[in-house]
Amino acid sequence: KLPKRINTQYPRLGTLSNGINELNFPKGFGFPVAGDDALVVASRTLNHNLTNAFFKVKHKIEVKTEVNDSLKPLVPKGLVLMLPYDLENPYNSKKNDPNLCSPIDLKNHSGPGEDGVPLSAHWQLPEGKTRYEFDVTYQLYLQEDTTIHAMAAHLHPGAELFMLYDTTLDEPVYVFDCENYKDKVGLKHVPTYSSEEGILLKADHEYKLVLETYNPSSDFRDMMAVLYLYLYDAEMDKHLKSQGFVSL
């Protein structure tokens, strides 16, 4: 373990949600887990389509483990697309400002942006097509160049395209083309990314999230957009080798 990292990072290792049933790390990569680490798994079900319905649901969740001293460690990092809102009247704003969102829950899904101004990560999706962009360079907080070896997106129905974009190079890093159901509300498929070679991220570059959505009606829809990156952890790799640990 690295004591200096304690309480410095959000503890969630990842999320599988709408349109995603599994995420596999590439061969040769994994999370280092100590023998006394406690792992918590949570699951829930969301019904978008049937009214007055009662369900009994079982979840089958599998986590793969492997004892191998040659595994390279990954570190999870969540990038959250966040939007400004009316600070004076967030839920019933009278301002005719297209740059402001209508937030859903500021108690659980809001936080300060890079400049300290509160932003919302959960908002009402307007009718029609909408494009959102948000700089996440400060969330990445890269201290050195690294590589992405796996990615999974947490999105809500109505998301059509989600992208990590290199603003410095003016080109996409990776694009997720999403498939929605045509006859009901729901994401049918959201692709994931897994690669031994990985994608290079430069510490001196700027990055943003881009989200394109479509709400075909005036009915209520909500949206969130979070990209979970799994980056090669050079510091942890060096630490594990120096201590003689094996990875799981």
Protein backbone atom coordinates (compact mmCIF):
# COMPACT_ATOMS: atom_id res chain seq x y z
CA LYS A 1 0.00 0.00 0.00
CA LEU A 2 0.99 3.61 -0.52
CA PRO A 3 0.11 5.55 2.66
CA LYS A 4 0.33 8.90 0.89
CA ARG A 5 -2.61 7.89 -1.32
CA ILE A 6 -5.02 7.17 1.53
CA ASN A 7 -8.15 9.38 1.27
CA THR A 8 -6.83 11.10 -1.85
CA GLN A 9 -8.95 9.28 -4.42
CA TYR A 10 -12.62 8.43 -4.84
CA PRO A 11 -12.87 4.74 -3.82
CA ARG A 12 -15.18 3.52 -6.61
CA LEU A 13 -13.36 1.08 -8.87
CA GLY A 14 -15.93 1.31 -11.64
CA THR A 15 -19.54 1.08 -12.76
CA LEU A 16 -21.41 -1.09 -15.24
CA SER A 17 -24.67 0.57 -16.21
CA ASN A 18 -27.06 1.19 -19.10
CA GLY A 19 -26.02 -0.77 -22.19
CA ILE A 20 -22.96 -2.46 -20.61
CA ASN A 21 -22.89 -5.99 -19.21
CA GLU A 22 -19.17 -6.52 -18.78
CA LEU A 23 -15.78 -4.86 -18.83
CA ASN A 24 -12.64 -6.91 -19.34
CA PHE A 25 -9.15 -5.63 -18.69
CA PRO A 26 -6.56 -6.50 -21.34
CA LYS A 27 -4.25 -9.44 -20.82
CA GLY A 28 -1.45 -8.60 -18.42
CA PHE A 29 -3.30 -5.86 -16.49
CA GLY A 30 -5.34 -5.73 -13.27
CA PHE A 31 -6.00 -4.08 -9.92
CA PRO A 32 -3.55 -4.80 -7.10
CA VAL A 33 -5.58 -5.93 -4.07
CA ALA A 34 -4.23 -6.45 -0.56
CA GLY A 35 -5.30 -9.57 1.31
CA ASP A 36 -7.22 -7.57 3.92
CA ASP A 37 -8.90 -5.15 1.50
CA ALA A 38 -12.71 -4.97 1.80
CA LEU A 39 -14.53 -4.77 -1.52
CA VAL A 40 -18.17 -3.65 -1.63
CA VAL A 41 -20.46 -4.47 -4.57
CA ALA A 42 -23.75 -2.61 -5.02
CA SER A 43 -26.45 -3.18 -7.63
CA ARG A 44 -29.83 -1.74 -8.53
CA THR A 45 -32.49 -1.91 -11.23
CA LEU A 46 -34.22 0.97 -13.00
CA ASN A 47 -37.54 0.62 -14.83
CA HIS A 48 -38.09 3.24 -17.54
CA ASN A 49 -41.04 1.75 -19.39
CA LEU A 50 -43.64 -0.16 -17.33
CA THR A 51 -45.94 1.72 -14.96
CA ASN A 52 -47.38 0.22 -11.77
CA ALA A 53 -45.02 -2.74 -12.13
CA PHE A 54 -43.43 -4.82 -9.38
CA PHE A 55 -40.34 -6.89 -10.07
CA LYS A 56 -38.19 -9.40 -8.27
CA VAL A 57 -34.69 -9.19 -9.69
CA LYS A 58 -31.53 -11.23 -9.22
CA HIS A 59 -28.12 -9.93 -10.18
CA LYS A 60 -25.26 -12.26 -11.08
CA ILE A 61 -21.94 -10.47 -10.65
CA GLU A 62 -18.57 -11.99 -11.47
CA VAL A 63 -15.14 -10.59 -10.60
CA LYS A 64 -12.08 -12.26 -12.09
CA THR A 65 -8.91 -12.74 -10.02
CA GLU A 66 -5.45 -13.93 -10.94
CA VAL A 67 -2.26 -14.39 -8.94
CA ASN A 68 0.55 -13.21 -11.18
CA ASP A 69 3.64 -11.21 -10.34
CA SER A 70 3.89 -9.92 -13.91
CA LEU A 71 0.52 -8.13 -14.01
CA LYS A 72 0.75 -4.39 -14.57
CA PRO A 73 -1.39 -2.33 -12.15
CA LEU A 74 -4.20 -0.05 -13.30
CA VAL A 75 -5.61 2.92 -11.44
CA PRO A 76 -9.26 3.99 -11.99
CA LYS A 77 -10.10 7.61 -12.70
CA GLY A 78 -13.62 8.95 -13.24
CA LEU A 79 -14.16 11.95 -15.51
CA VAL A 80 -17.51 13.67 -14.91
CA LEU A 81 -19.26 15.95 -17.37
CA MET A 82 -20.71 18.80 -15.32
CA LEU A 83 -22.91 21.78 -16.19
CA PRO A 84 -23.59 25.21 -14.68
CA TYR A 85 -27.00 26.01 -13.22
CA ASP A 86 -28.84 28.97 -11.73
CA LEU A 87 -27.24 29.31 -8.31
CA GLU A 88 -30.07 31.53 -7.02
CA ASN A 89 -32.95 29.33 -8.16
CA PRO A 90 -31.56 26.00 -9.41
CA TYR A 91 -34.76 23.96 -9.73
CA ASN A 92 -37.11 26.67 -11.05
CA SER A 93 -34.87 29.10 -12.89
CA LYS A 94 -36.56 31.95 -14.74
CA LYS A 95 -33.39 32.81 -16.65
CA ASN A 96 -33.55 32.23 -20.39
CA ASP A 97 -29.96 31.06 -20.61
CA PRO A 98 -29.24 28.02 -22.83
CA ASN A 99 -25.94 27.49 -21.03
CA LEU A 100 -27.68 26.69 -17.74
CA CYS A 101 -29.03 23.21 -16.99
CA SER A 102 -31.94 22.15 -14.82
CA PRO A 103 -30.30 19.98 -12.14
CA ILE A 104 -31.94 16.88 -10.65
CA ASP A 105 -30.26 16.31 -7.30
CA LEU A 106 -27.74 18.79 -5.96
CA LYS A 107 -27.24 16.85 -2.72
CA ASN A 108 -25.59 13.86 -4.38
CA HIS A 109 -24.56 14.90 -7.87
CA SER A 110 -22.96 18.31 -7.71
CA GLY A 111 -19.57 19.72 -6.93
CA PRO A 112 -17.18 22.56 -7.60
CA GLY A 113 -15.66 23.08 -11.01
CA GLU A 114 -12.06 24.06 -11.58
CA ASP A 115 -12.83 27.66 -10.57
CA GLY A 116 -14.78 26.59 -7.47
CA VAL A 117 -18.24 27.45 -8.87
CA PRO A 118 -20.79 24.66 -8.16
CA LEU A 119 -21.79 22.50 -11.14
CA SER A 120 -24.33 19.71 -11.63
CA ALA A 121 -23.54 16.20 -12.86
CA HIS A 122 -27.22 15.14 -13.15
CA TRP A 123 -29.65 17.23 -15.18
CA GLN A 124 -32.90 17.25 -17.14
CA LEU A 125 -32.43 16.44 -20.81
CA PRO A 126 -34.14 18.98 -23.09
CA GLU A 127 -36.19 17.96 -26.12
CA GLY A 128 -34.36 17.45 -29.41
CA LYS A 129 -30.65 17.21 -30.09
CA THR A 130 -28.12 18.74 -27.68
CA ARG A 131 -24.33 18.83 -27.62
CA TYR A 132 -22.38 19.30 -24.40
CA GLU A 133 -18.66 19.96 -23.89
CA PHE A 134 -16.74 20.13 -20.62
CA ASP A 135 -13.02 20.51 -19.92
CA VAL A 136 -11.75 17.67 -17.71
CA THR A 137 -8.03 18.45 -17.70
CA TYR A 138 -8.21 19.37 -14.02
CA GLN A 139 -10.01 16.10 -13.22
CA LEU A 140 -7.36 14.04 -15.00
CA TYR A 141 -4.62 15.89 -13.12
CA LEU A 142 -1.86 14.04 -14.96
CA GLN A 143 1.57 14.40 -13.37
CA GLU A 144 3.26 12.44 -16.16
CA ASP A 145 2.40 10.84 -19.49
CA THR A 146 0.45 7.61 -19.16
CA THR A 147 -1.68 5.17 -21.16
CA ILE A 148 -5.36 4.20 -21.04
CA HIS A 149 -5.89 0.43 -21.10
CA ALA A 150 -9.63 0.19 -20.43
CA MET A 151 -12.66 2.50 -20.49
CA ALA A 152 -16.34 2.28 -19.61
CA ALA A 153 -18.96 5.03 -19.85
CA HIS A 154 -21.86 5.66 -17.48
CA LEU A 155 -24.63 7.23 -19.57
CA HIS A 156 -28.41 7.56 -19.50
CA PRO A 157 -30.91 6.83 -22.29
CA GLY A 158 -30.77 9.49 -24.99
CA ALA A 159 -26.98 9.53 -25.22
CA GLU A 160 -25.92 9.04 -28.83
CA LEU A 161 -22.20 9.85 -28.81
CA PHE A 162 -19.68 10.24 -25.99
CA MET A 163 -16.10 11.24 -26.59
CA LEU A 164 -12.84 11.99 -24.86
CA TYR A 165 -11.24 14.77 -26.91
CA ASP A 166 -7.66 16.05 -27.00
CA THR A 167 -8.11 19.83 -27.19
CA THR A 168 -4.40 20.41 -27.69
CA LEU A 169 -4.23 18.22 -30.80
CA ASP A 170 -7.83 19.06 -31.80
CA GLU A 171 -8.70 15.40 -32.33
CA PRO A 172 -10.68 12.65 -30.58
CA VAL A 173 -8.91 10.32 -28.17
CA TYR A 174 -11.76 7.81 -28.29
CA VAL A 175 -15.41 7.86 -29.40
CA PHE A 176 -18.28 5.81 -27.96
CA ASP A 177 -21.16 5.43 -30.43
CA CYS A 178 -24.23 4.48 -28.40
CA GLU A 179 -27.31 2.55 -29.55
CA ASN A 180 -30.72 3.36 -28.04
CA TYR A 181 -33.79 1.15 -28.25
CA LYS A 182 -36.21 2.31 -30.95
CA ASP A 183 -39.42 1.02 -29.33
CA LYS A 184 -38.78 1.94 -25.68
CA VAL A 185 -36.62 4.05 -23.40
CA GLY A 186 -33.21 2.56 -22.79
CA LEU A 187 -29.65 2.19 -24.00
CA LYS A 188 -29.29 -1.04 -25.97
CA HIS A 189 -25.52 -0.95 -26.30
CA VAL A 190 -22.65 1.22 -25.09
CA PRO A 191 -19.21 0.03 -26.24
CA THR A 192 -16.27 -0.42 -23.89
CA TYR A 193 -12.54 -0.19 -24.55
CA SER A 194 -9.78 -2.66 -23.65
CA SER A 195 -6.27 -2.74 -25.09
CA GLU A 196 -2.82 -4.04 -24.15
CA GLU A 197 -1.18 -1.35 -26.28
CA GLY A 198 -3.33 1.43 -24.81
CA ILE A 199 -3.87 5.06 -25.77
CA LEU A 200 -1.30 7.68 -24.81
CA LEU A 201 -2.37 10.63 -22.65
CA LYS A 202 0.06 13.55 -22.43
CA ALA A 203 0.45 15.39 -19.15
CA ASP A 204 0.90 18.73 -20.96
CA HIS A 205 -2.25 18.36 -23.10
CA GLU A 206 -5.77 19.59 -22.37
CA TYR A 207 -8.76 17.25 -22.60
CA LYS A 208 -12.55 17.57 -22.66
CA LEU A 209 -15.62 15.36 -22.67
CA VAL A 210 -18.10 15.74 -25.54
CA LEU A 211 -21.64 14.36 -25.30
CA GLU A 212 -24.33 14.36 -28.00
CA THR A 213 -27.89 13.51 -26.96
CA TYR A 214 -31.35 13.18 -28.47
CA ASN A 215 -34.65 13.37 -26.61
CA PRO A 216 -37.45 12.63 -29.11
CA SER A 217 -40.24 14.06 -26.95
CA SER A 218 -41.03 16.63 -24.31
CA ASP A 219 -41.34 13.85 -21.72
CA PHE A 220 -39.03 13.97 -18.73
CA ARG A 221 -35.59 12.49 -19.31
CA ASP A 222 -32.50 12.86 -17.17
CA MET A 223 -28.84 12.59 -18.11
CA MET A 224 -25.46 11.84 -16.59
CA ALA A 225 -22.17 11.30 -18.39
CA VAL A 226 -19.17 9.79 -16.61
CA LEU A 227 -16.15 8.20 -18.25
CA TYR A 228 -14.20 5.66 -16.20
CA LEU A 229 -10.59 5.41 -17.32
CA TYR A 230 -8.20 2.67 -16.24
CA LEU A 231 -4.68 4.07 -16.49
CA TYR A 232 -1.34 2.34 -16.18
CA ASP A 233 -0.10 3.09 -12.67
CA ALA A 234 3.68 3.45 -12.98
CA GLU A 235 4.12 4.55 -9.36
CA MET A 236 2.23 1.53 -8.02
CA ASP A 237 4.07 -0.80 -10.39
CA LYS A 238 7.41 0.41 -9.04
CA HIS A 239 6.17 0.13 -5.44
CA LEU A 240 4.85 -3.44 -5.87
CA LYS A 241 8.07 -4.63 -7.45
CA SER A 242 10.14 -3.06 -4.69
CA GLN A 243 8.01 -4.82 -2.04
CA GLY A 244 7.87 -8.19 -3.78
CA PHE A 245 4.07 -8.22 -4.03
CA VAL A 246 2.02 -10.12 -6.60
CA SER A 247 -1.08 -8.64 -8.22
CA LEU A 248 -4.63 -9.91 -8.47
